[in-house]
Amino acid sequence: MTRNLTALCVMSLALATAGGAQTTTASSNNGTQYTQAQLKQLVKDANTPSQYQTLAGYYDTQKKRYLAQAAEEKQEWVRRSANVMLTAAKYPRPVDSAHYLYDYFTDKAGESGQLAAKYVQLATPTAPTGVK
């Protein structure tokens, strides 16, 4: 009986965790949440400065989130670097995993920063050239 109850608790926890992993991403503007499909549609349909500003805010928030995750992985990388054993080490070592996650989050932050800059530039109205 106890075994069945334990199995039931573990399964419910696993389902709750899997459901939480499928949540939508949050935008920096007014707390609106977007699914990946909605974000793709917003990028496709964006043609006004306010829409571009919304996208810029979203990608700026993503950049900050990735930088925070990169900082956490950097700390983990440093912590794991202190315990590296070269003998009998199998690839990937825990220190390698932390290093790769740090690199991943740093790259994603750079991509999000570039997209945010792109949409900020599109959101700013430009003066017509050649007008006297």
Protein backbone atom coordinates (compact mmCIF):
# COMPACT_ATOMS: atom_id res chain seq x y z
CA MET A 1 0.00 0.00 0.00
CA THR A 2 2.78 2.41 0.90
CA ARG A 3 4.57 1.54 -2.32
CA ASN A 4 1.46 2.42 -4.38
CA LEU A 5 1.02 5.69 -2.53
CA THR A 6 4.66 6.62 -3.10
CA ALA A 7 4.39 5.77 -6.79
CA LEU A 8 1.25 7.88 -7.06
CA CYS A 9 2.96 10.88 -5.41
CA VAL A 10 5.97 10.57 -7.70
CA MET A 11 3.80 10.36 -10.81
CA SER A 12 1.69 13.36 -9.81
CA LEU A 13 4.84 15.38 -9.12
CA ALA A 14 6.28 14.38 -12.49
CA LEU A 15 3.08 15.39 -14.30
CA ALA A 16 2.95 18.71 -12.47
CA THR A 17 6.57 19.40 -13.39
CA ALA A 18 6.00 18.48 -17.03
CA GLY A 19 2.96 20.75 -17.16
CA GLY A 20 4.95 23.61 -15.66
CA ALA A 21 7.63 23.21 -18.31
CA GLN A 22 5.05 23.95 -20.99
CA THR A 23 4.07 27.36 -19.63
CA THR A 24 4.21 30.34 -21.88
CA THR A 25 6.89 33.00 -21.88
CA ALA A 26 6.15 36.35 -20.28
CA SER A 27 6.48 39.69 -21.95
CA SER A 28 7.91 42.70 -20.16
CA ASN A 29 4.94 44.81 -21.17
CA ASN A 30 1.89 44.69 -18.89
CA GLY A 31 2.53 41.05 -17.92
CA THR A 32 1.15 39.62 -21.17
CA GLN A 33 2.19 36.06 -21.83
CA TYR A 34 2.93 34.74 -25.30
CA THR A 35 3.22 31.22 -26.61
CA GLN A 36 5.86 30.60 -29.23
CA ALA A 37 3.15 30.58 -31.91
CA GLN A 38 1.77 33.91 -30.71
CA LEU A 39 5.25 35.41 -30.64
CA LYS A 40 5.94 34.21 -34.16
CA GLN A 41 2.64 35.73 -35.31
CA LEU A 42 3.43 39.01 -33.54
CA VAL A 43 6.81 39.19 -35.27
CA LYS A 44 5.14 38.46 -38.61
CA ASP A 45 2.39 41.05 -38.17
CA ALA A 46 4.42 43.82 -36.51
CA ASN A 47 4.32 47.06 -38.49
CA THR A 48 3.70 49.84 -35.95
CA PRO A 49 6.14 51.40 -33.50
CA SER A 50 4.10 50.14 -30.53
CA GLN A 51 4.24 46.56 -31.83
CA TYR A 52 7.98 46.87 -32.37
CA GLN A 53 8.35 48.33 -28.87
CA THR A 54 6.46 45.35 -27.45
CA LEU A 55 8.82 42.97 -29.22
CA ALA A 56 11.85 44.96 -28.07
CA GLY A 57 10.62 44.79 -24.48
CA TYR A 58 10.03 41.06 -24.76
CA TYR A 59 13.51 40.37 -26.11
CA ASP A 60 15.10 42.70 -23.55
CA THR A 61 13.39 40.72 -20.79
CA GLN A 62 14.62 37.48 -22.37
CA LYS A 63 18.15 38.89 -22.45
CA LYS A 64 18.02 39.74 -18.75
CA ARG A 65 16.65 36.30 -17.94
CA TYR A 66 19.40 34.57 -19.94
CA LEU A 67 22.09 36.72 -18.30
CA ALA A 68 20.77 35.78 -14.86
CA GLN A 69 20.84 32.09 -15.79
CA ALA A 70 24.36 32.50 -17.20
CA ALA A 71 25.50 34.06 -13.92
CA GLU A 72 24.08 31.10 -11.98
CA GLU A 73 25.82 28.64 -14.30
CA LYS A 74 29.07 30.60 -13.99
CA GLN A 75 28.92 30.14 -10.22
CA GLU A 76 28.18 26.45 -10.67
CA TRP A 77 31.04 26.15 -13.15
CA VAL A 78 33.46 27.74 -10.67
CA ARG A 79 32.17 25.49 -7.89
CA ARG A 80 32.55 22.36 -10.00
CA SER A 81 35.99 23.42 -11.26
CA ALA A 82 37.34 23.07 -7.73
CA ASN A 83 36.49 19.36 -7.71
CA VAL A 84 37.85 18.23 -11.07
CA MET A 85 39.44 14.79 -11.07
CA LEU A 86 41.32 14.06 -14.25
CA THR A 87 41.77 10.35 -13.61
CA ALA A 88 38.87 8.17 -14.66
CA ALA A 89 36.82 11.19 -15.76
CA LYS A 90 34.06 10.35 -18.20
CA TYR A 91 32.87 12.84 -20.75
CA PRO A 92 30.96 15.04 -20.17
CA ARG A 93 32.26 15.85 -16.74
CA PRO A 94 30.01 17.92 -14.46
CA VAL A 95 32.35 20.88 -14.94
CA ASP A 96 31.93 20.56 -18.72
CA SER A 97 28.15 20.55 -18.43
CA ALA A 98 28.17 23.73 -16.35
CA HIS A 99 30.59 25.35 -18.82
CA TYR A 100 28.41 24.44 -21.80
CA LEU A 101 25.26 25.74 -20.08
CA TYR A 102 27.06 29.00 -19.31
CA ASP A 103 28.08 29.33 -22.95
CA TYR A 104 24.54 28.52 -24.11
CA PHE A 105 22.87 31.12 -21.89
CA THR A 106 25.49 33.72 -22.84
CA ASP A 107 24.87 33.09 -26.54
CA LYS A 108 21.09 33.23 -26.11
CA ALA A 109 21.43 36.53 -24.20
CA GLY A 110 23.47 37.92 -27.09
CA GLU A 111 20.86 36.83 -29.63
CA SER A 112 18.05 38.33 -27.56
CA GLY A 113 20.03 41.56 -27.18
CA GLN A 114 20.49 41.81 -30.93
CA LEU A 115 16.78 41.24 -31.54
CA ALA A 116 15.86 43.82 -28.89
CA ALA A 117 18.17 46.37 -30.53
CA LYS A 118 16.67 45.59 -33.94
CA TYR A 119 13.11 46.15 -32.72
CA VAL A 120 14.06 49.30 -30.79
CA GLN A 121 15.48 50.72 -34.00
CA LEU A 122 12.33 49.74 -35.91
CA ALA A 123 10.17 51.33 -33.20
CA THR A 124 11.84 54.71 -33.46
CA PRO A 125 10.30 56.80 -36.21
CA THR A 126 12.81 58.03 -38.75
CA ALA A 127 12.68 61.43 -40.37
CA PRO A 128 12.33 61.36 -44.15
CA THR A 129 15.60 62.00 -45.92
CA GLY A 130 16.02 64.61 -48.61
CA VAL A 131 13.24 66.89 -47.35
CA LYS A 132 14.13 70.59 -47.39
